[in-house]
Amino acid sequence: MQVHHDIEQLPVFRNAVITIGTFDGVHKGHRKILDKMKTEAEANGGETVIITFHPHPRKIVSSEFMGIRLITTMEERIGLLENLGIDHLVVVPFTDVFANQSAEEYIRDFLVEKFHPHTIIIGYDHRFGRDRVGNFQLLEEKSPEYGYRLVEIPKHVLENISISSTNIRKAIIHNDTDTVNKVLGYDFFFSGLVVHGNKLGRKLGYPTANLKVKDEDKIIPGNGIYAVYAQPEGYSEPLKGMMSIGFRPTVDGKQRVIEVNIFDFDQEIYDQQLTVFVKKYLRPELKFDGLEPLVKQIDQDKIDSLAVL
C-alpha cells in the first residue's frame, strides 16, 4: 500500500475507487466497505483509494471531540489497512482552510481534480464542505458532470460501524476484552516507550517495562491486570506476558502507570517501543496488606495468564 501525505503530489490513479472516512479501529464493520471497494476495483481494473484526515476533523470543527479517544493511531491504522490489501491511503491535512471550502469546491477541486474517481463509495449521511452542507444528493447531482459512479453504503452498514466503534471504546475502558477483540476481529493493541520506573517489580522477582504512551488521543484499557502478548522493538514475534494498569495501591502509588512483565525475558529495552496485544482481562487492581501477599497474587496472575496465552 502506498501512503500519500502531500495532496499536491498525488499520482494519477487508475480508475480510482475511492471512499472517505476515519476508519478508526479498522474493525469488522469497516471491512464490509473495504471488501466492496476491492470488488468494484477488480471489476473495473481500478485501484482502491482511501481518503482520510489528520488530525481528526472533529478536533477542528467541533468542541465535543475532547472526550473521545481513538481506537487506533494513524500509524496503527496504516498498518491494518495495508494488511487488508488496500492500494492507496491518502492522509489529508485537515485545516480550517480545508474545512471552509464550499461543498462544490470540495467536489470539483478536491475529489475530482486530485483523484479523478471512477467510483465514489460513500454513506447516505456523509457531509462535507463549509457548514457541512454537502451531502450524498449533491454528489449524485454532480456525477453526470464529472463522470464518476456513485455507490451508496447502506444505512444498516453505517449504523453497524457507528455502534461497533462506540461499543469497542466502551468495552476497552470497562475491561471487556472479549467484546473488544470479537468486534475488532483482532486483539486490541497499543504501543508505548519503555521508561524507567522505581524498579519495584525487579525486587519482587517480576521486572516490568513501564510504558509511556505518546499519542494523547489513543484509548487505553481500564485499570486492572491483563494477560498480554508483548513485542519489543526489533522482535519478529510477540512474547507472552502480563500487564498491570493502575495506581499500585499496595505501595501507595500516586500516578496511573502501565507495567508489562514479559515472561522469561531479561533484555534491557529502555527507550525502545513496546507493542502490547491485550488478550484478556484477569482481575481488578487490588490493595494487599504488604508485599508478600502481593507477590503471591502476582504468582497466580502469571499462572492465569499462561492458561490464557
Protein backbone atom coordinates (compact mmCIF):
# COMPACT_ATOMS: atom_id res chain seq x y z
CA MET A 1 0.00 0.00 0.00
CA GLN A 2 1.23 3.46 -0.87
CA VAL A 3 0.66 6.18 1.73
CA HIS A 4 0.43 9.77 0.49
CA HIS A 5 0.66 12.82 2.76
CA ASP A 6 1.04 15.56 0.12
CA ILE A 7 -2.15 16.05 -1.88
CA GLU A 8 -0.27 18.26 -4.33
CA GLN A 9 1.97 15.33 -5.31
CA LEU A 10 -0.53 12.54 -5.86
CA PRO A 11 0.00 10.01 -8.66
CA VAL A 12 -2.52 9.52 -11.44
CA PHE A 13 -4.74 6.79 -10.04
CA ARG A 14 -6.02 4.11 -12.40
CA ASN A 15 -9.84 4.04 -12.38
CA ALA A 16 -9.78 5.09 -8.75
CA VAL A 17 -12.40 3.57 -6.47
CA ILE A 18 -12.43 5.94 -3.52
CA THR A 19 -14.05 6.18 -0.14
CA ILE A 20 -13.66 8.71 2.64
CA GLY A 21 -13.54 8.20 6.39
CA THR A 22 -11.51 7.86 9.57
CA PHE A 23 -11.76 4.06 9.74
CA ASP A 24 -10.87 4.18 13.44
CA GLY A 25 -10.16 0.65 14.57
CA VAL A 26 -10.49 -0.84 11.06
CA HIS A 27 -12.98 -3.24 12.65
CA LYS A 28 -15.27 -5.86 11.13
CA GLY A 29 -17.87 -3.28 10.10
CA HIS A 30 -15.31 -1.22 8.19
CA ARG A 31 -14.22 -4.32 6.31
CA LYS A 32 -17.58 -4.56 4.57
CA ILE A 33 -16.79 -1.23 2.90
CA LEU A 34 -13.23 -2.30 2.10
CA ASP A 35 -14.48 -5.54 0.56
CA LYS A 36 -16.94 -3.54 -1.57
CA MET A 37 -14.10 -1.24 -2.70
CA LYS A 38 -11.93 -4.16 -3.73
CA THR A 39 -14.79 -5.83 -5.61
CA GLU A 40 -15.53 -2.60 -7.52
CA ALA A 41 -11.85 -2.06 -8.31
CA GLU A 42 -11.39 -5.59 -9.60
CA ALA A 43 -14.47 -5.29 -11.80
CA ASN A 44 -13.19 -2.06 -13.38
CA GLY A 45 -9.45 -2.66 -13.48
CA GLY A 46 -9.03 0.05 -10.88
CA GLU A 47 -7.16 0.91 -7.70
CA THR A 48 -8.60 1.27 -4.20
CA VAL A 49 -8.00 4.68 -2.63
CA ILE A 50 -8.97 5.57 0.94
CA ILE A 51 -9.08 9.27 1.81
CA THR A 52 -8.67 10.03 5.49
CA PHE A 53 -7.86 13.12 7.52
CA HIS A 54 -5.35 14.12 10.16
CA PRO A 55 -5.97 15.44 12.71
CA HIS A 56 -9.46 14.06 13.25
CA PRO A 57 -11.91 16.56 11.65
CA ARG A 58 -13.89 16.92 14.87
CA LYS A 59 -10.77 18.31 16.52
CA ILE A 60 -11.02 21.25 14.15
CA VAL A 61 -14.77 21.77 13.68
CA SER A 62 -16.27 20.54 16.96
CA SER A 63 -15.85 21.29 20.64
CA GLU A 64 -17.16 17.80 21.50
CA PHE A 65 -14.02 15.92 20.46
CA MET A 66 -12.11 16.26 23.73
CA GLY A 67 -13.95 13.39 25.40
CA ILE A 68 -13.31 10.95 22.55
CA ARG A 69 -10.29 8.67 22.45
CA LEU A 70 -9.37 6.82 19.27
CA ILE A 71 -9.12 3.04 18.98
CA THR A 72 -6.17 3.31 16.60
CA THR A 73 -3.50 5.90 15.96
CA MET A 74 -2.82 6.91 12.37
CA GLU A 75 0.29 4.71 12.30
CA GLU A 76 -1.71 1.72 13.56
CA ARG A 77 -4.47 2.34 11.01
CA ILE A 78 -1.93 2.42 8.20
CA GLY A 79 -0.59 -0.99 9.22
CA LEU A 80 -4.06 -2.53 9.49
CA LEU A 81 -5.19 -1.18 6.10
CA GLU A 82 -2.00 -2.35 4.43
CA ASN A 83 -2.64 -5.87 5.69
CA LEU A 84 -6.11 -5.77 4.11
CA GLY A 85 -4.81 -5.17 0.60
CA ILE A 86 -5.72 -1.50 0.02
CA ASP A 87 -3.71 0.11 -2.80
CA HIS A 88 -3.51 3.73 -1.63
CA LEU A 89 -4.14 5.69 1.55
CA VAL A 90 -4.20 9.48 1.23
CA VAL A 91 -3.81 11.31 4.55
CA VAL A 92 -5.20 14.80 4.05
CA PRO A 93 -4.14 17.55 6.48
CA PHE A 94 -7.42 18.76 7.95
CA THR A 95 -7.23 22.51 8.50
CA ASP A 96 -9.64 25.42 8.90
CA VAL A 97 -8.98 26.35 5.27
CA PHE A 98 -9.85 22.85 4.09
CA ALA A 99 -12.96 22.73 6.29
CA ASN A 100 -14.18 26.07 4.96
CA GLN A 101 -14.16 25.34 1.24
CA SER A 102 -17.63 25.21 -0.26
CA ALA A 103 -19.26 21.86 -0.99
CA GLU A 104 -18.95 22.49 -4.75
CA GLU A 105 -15.25 23.33 -4.37
CA TYR A 106 -14.76 20.15 -2.35
CA ILE A 107 -16.17 18.06 -5.19
CA ARG A 108 -14.53 19.95 -8.08
CA ASP A 109 -11.15 20.97 -6.65
CA PHE A 110 -10.54 18.14 -4.22
CA LEU A 111 -12.31 14.92 -5.19
CA VAL A 112 -12.35 15.34 -8.98
CA GLU A 113 -9.16 17.29 -9.62
CA LYS A 114 -6.97 15.32 -7.19
CA PHE A 115 -8.39 11.82 -7.60
CA HIS A 116 -10.26 11.65 -10.94
CA PRO A 117 -12.53 8.99 -9.40
CA HIS A 118 -14.10 6.23 -11.42
CA THR A 119 -16.29 5.29 -8.46
CA ILE A 120 -17.06 7.01 -5.15
CA ILE A 121 -18.35 4.77 -2.37
CA ILE A 122 -19.95 6.90 0.30
CA GLY A 123 -22.62 6.84 3.01
CA TYR A 124 -26.02 8.47 2.65
CA ASP A 125 -25.20 10.67 5.68
CA HIS A 126 -21.77 11.85 4.51
CA ARG A 127 -21.37 15.63 4.96
CA PHE A 128 -18.69 17.90 3.61
CA GLY A 129 -17.82 21.49 2.78
CA ARG A 130 -18.39 24.71 4.70
CA ASP A 131 -21.16 24.34 7.28
CA ARG A 132 -21.36 20.68 6.18
CA VAL A 133 -23.95 21.49 3.53
CA GLY A 134 -22.54 18.98 1.01
CA ASN A 135 -24.24 15.59 1.01
CA PHE A 136 -24.90 12.42 -0.96
CA GLN A 137 -27.58 14.16 -3.05
CA LEU A 138 -25.12 16.85 -4.20
CA LEU A 139 -22.57 14.20 -5.17
CA GLU A 140 -25.32 12.41 -7.10
CA GLU A 141 -26.36 15.64 -8.82
CA LYS A 142 -22.77 16.34 -9.92
CA SER A 143 -21.94 12.81 -11.06
CA PRO A 144 -23.04 13.28 -14.73
CA GLU A 145 -20.97 16.47 -14.99
CA TYR A 146 -17.79 14.89 -13.63
CA GLY A 147 -18.30 11.35 -14.86
CA TYR A 148 -17.94 9.30 -11.71
CA ARG A 149 -20.13 6.46 -10.47
CA LEU A 150 -21.65 6.85 -7.04
CA VAL A 151 -22.23 3.83 -4.82
CA GLU A 152 -24.14 4.28 -1.58
CA ILE A 153 -23.09 2.46 1.57
CA PRO A 154 -26.32 1.03 3.03
CA LYS A 155 -27.73 2.66 6.15
CA HIS A 156 -27.57 -0.55 8.18
CA VAL A 157 -23.84 -0.94 7.44
CA LEU A 158 -23.11 2.62 8.57
CA GLU A 159 -25.18 2.19 11.72
CA ASN A 160 -23.35 -1.04 12.47
CA ILE A 161 -19.99 0.72 12.08
CA SER A 162 -21.03 3.56 14.41
CA ILE A 163 -22.44 1.21 17.03
CA SER A 164 -19.40 -1.07 16.79
CA SER A 165 -16.94 1.81 17.24
CA THR A 166 -18.86 3.12 20.26
CA ASN A 167 -19.11 -0.36 21.78
CA ILE A 168 -15.40 -1.01 21.26
CA ARG A 169 -14.43 2.23 23.03
CA LYS A 170 -16.75 1.49 25.97
CA ALA A 171 -15.54 -2.09 26.19
CA ILE A 172 -11.85 -1.05 26.21
CA ILE A 173 -12.43 1.33 29.10
CA HIS A 174 -14.55 -1.20 31.02
CA ASN A 175 -12.14 -4.14 30.65
CA ASP A 176 -14.41 -6.19 28.38
CA THR A 177 -11.60 -7.67 26.29
CA ASP A 178 -13.81 -10.44 24.87
CA THR A 179 -16.16 -7.91 23.24
CA VAL A 180 -13.28 -5.68 22.09
CA ASN A 181 -11.38 -8.40 20.28
CA LYS A 182 -14.50 -10.03 18.85
CA VAL A 183 -15.80 -6.81 17.27
CA LEU A 184 -12.37 -5.67 16.10
CA GLY A 185 -11.57 -9.05 14.56
CA TYR A 186 -8.08 -8.92 16.10
CA ASP A 187 -6.52 -8.34 19.53
CA PHE A 188 -6.60 -4.70 20.62
CA PHE A 189 -3.09 -3.30 20.81
CA PHE A 190 -1.18 -0.17 21.71
CA SER A 191 2.46 0.90 21.84
CA GLY A 192 4.50 2.88 24.29
CA LEU A 193 8.04 3.94 25.05
CA VAL A 194 9.76 1.91 27.78
CA VAL A 195 10.76 4.35 30.52
CA HIS A 196 12.44 3.99 33.91
CA GLY A 197 10.21 3.23 36.89
CA ASN A 198 11.00 2.68 40.56
CA LYS A 199 12.34 -0.86 39.89
CA LEU A 200 9.98 -2.40 42.49
CA GLY A 201 8.97 -5.17 40.11
CA ARG A 202 12.58 -6.27 39.80
CA LYS A 203 12.84 -6.54 43.60
CA LEU A 204 9.69 -8.67 43.67
CA GLY A 205 11.00 -11.05 41.03
CA TYR A 206 8.80 -9.64 38.29
CA PRO A 207 10.72 -6.94 36.39
CA THR A 208 8.39 -4.74 34.37
CA ALA A 209 8.61 -2.47 31.37
CA ASN A 210 6.96 0.83 32.29
CA LEU A 211 5.23 2.30 29.25
CA LYS A 212 4.65 5.90 28.30
CA VAL A 213 2.06 6.25 25.53
CA LYS A 214 2.87 9.28 23.38
CA ASP A 215 -0.38 9.76 21.48
CA GLU A 216 -2.78 11.52 23.86
CA ASP A 217 -5.76 10.58 21.65
CA LYS A 218 -5.12 6.84 21.96
CA ILE A 219 -7.59 4.99 24.16
CA ILE A 220 -6.04 2.88 26.93
CA PRO A 221 -7.71 -0.04 28.75
CA GLY A 222 -9.21 0.44 32.20
CA ASN A 223 -7.31 -0.35 35.39
CA GLY A 224 -6.61 -3.98 36.15
CA ILE A 225 -4.46 -6.99 35.36
CA TYR A 226 -4.35 -8.47 31.86
CA ALA A 227 -2.87 -11.42 30.00
CA VAL A 228 -0.98 -9.97 27.04
CA TYR A 229 1.48 -10.59 24.26
CA ALA A 230 4.28 -8.03 24.16
CA GLN A 231 6.50 -7.32 21.17
CA PRO A 232 9.68 -5.32 21.80
CA GLU A 233 11.04 -3.17 19.01
CA GLY A 234 13.01 -5.27 16.54
CA TYR A 235 11.46 -8.59 17.58
CA SER A 236 9.69 -10.54 14.85
CA GLU A 237 7.25 -12.28 17.21
CA PRO A 238 5.36 -11.16 20.31
CA LEU A 239 6.22 -12.73 23.68
CA LYS A 240 3.95 -13.94 26.46
CA GLY A 241 3.40 -11.68 29.44
CA MET A 242 1.01 -9.89 31.78
CA MET A 243 0.17 -6.24 32.27
CA SER A 244 -0.92 -4.07 35.17
CA ILE A 245 -2.65 -0.73 34.64
CA GLY A 246 -3.46 1.44 37.64
CA PHE A 247 -2.20 3.28 40.69
CA ARG A 248 -0.47 0.40 42.54
CA PRO A 249 -2.46 0.87 45.79
CA THR A 250 -0.35 -1.61 47.79
CA VAL A 251 2.66 0.73 47.54
CA ASP A 252 0.60 3.95 47.66
CA GLY A 253 1.16 4.85 44.04
CA LYS A 254 0.20 8.40 43.09
CA GLN A 255 0.24 8.14 39.30
CA ARG A 256 -1.51 5.80 36.88
CA VAL A 257 1.11 3.56 35.33
CA ILE A 258 1.25 0.84 32.70
CA GLU A 259 3.61 -2.01 33.60
CA VAL A 260 4.30 -5.07 31.47
CA ASN A 261 6.07 -8.19 32.74
CA ILE A 262 7.40 -10.26 29.83
CA PHE A 263 7.84 -13.87 30.83
CA ASP A 264 11.36 -15.36 30.69
CA PHE A 265 12.82 -12.14 29.31
CA ASP A 266 15.81 -10.25 30.70
CA GLN A 267 16.85 -7.86 27.92
CA GLU A 268 17.29 -4.11 28.50
CA ILE A 269 14.70 -2.32 26.35
CA TYR A 270 14.66 1.18 27.85
CA ASP A 271 13.90 3.95 25.34
CA GLN A 272 12.50 1.42 22.87
CA GLN A 273 8.95 0.96 21.64
CA LEU A 274 6.97 -1.95 23.07
CA THR A 275 3.71 -3.06 21.45
CA VAL A 276 1.19 -4.76 23.72
CA PHE A 277 -1.58 -7.03 22.40
CA VAL A 278 -4.29 -7.21 25.05
CA LYS A 279 -5.59 -10.77 25.18
CA LYS A 280 -7.77 -10.98 28.29
CA TYR A 281 -8.71 -9.07 31.43
CA LEU A 282 -7.90 -11.15 34.51
CA ARG A 283 -8.88 -9.18 37.61
CA PRO A 284 -9.27 -5.70 39.11
CA GLU A 285 -6.49 -3.78 40.78
CA LEU A 286 -6.37 -4.68 44.49
CA LYS A 287 -4.71 -3.40 47.64
CA PHE A 288 -2.81 -6.02 49.64
CA ASP A 289 -1.54 -5.97 53.22
CA GLY A 290 2.11 -5.84 52.29
CA LEU A 291 4.41 -7.16 49.59
CA GLU A 292 4.24 -10.87 50.48
CA PRO A 293 0.54 -11.32 49.64
CA LEU A 294 1.07 -9.09 46.59
CA VAL A 295 3.80 -11.41 45.26
CA LYS A 296 1.60 -14.44 45.97
CA GLN A 297 -1.16 -12.89 43.84
CA ILE A 298 1.30 -12.00 41.06
CA ASP A 299 2.41 -15.65 41.03
CA GLN A 300 -1.23 -16.62 40.47
CA ASP A 301 -1.63 -13.92 37.82
CA LYS A 302 1.21 -15.48 35.85
CA ILE A 303 -0.41 -18.91 36.07
CA ASP A 304 -3.72 -17.43 34.91
CA SER A 305 -2.03 -15.54 32.09
CA LEU A 306 -0.26 -18.64 30.79
CA ALA A 307 -3.54 -20.53 30.87
CA VAL A 308 -5.00 -17.88 28.55
CA LEU A 309 -1.96 -17.45 26.32
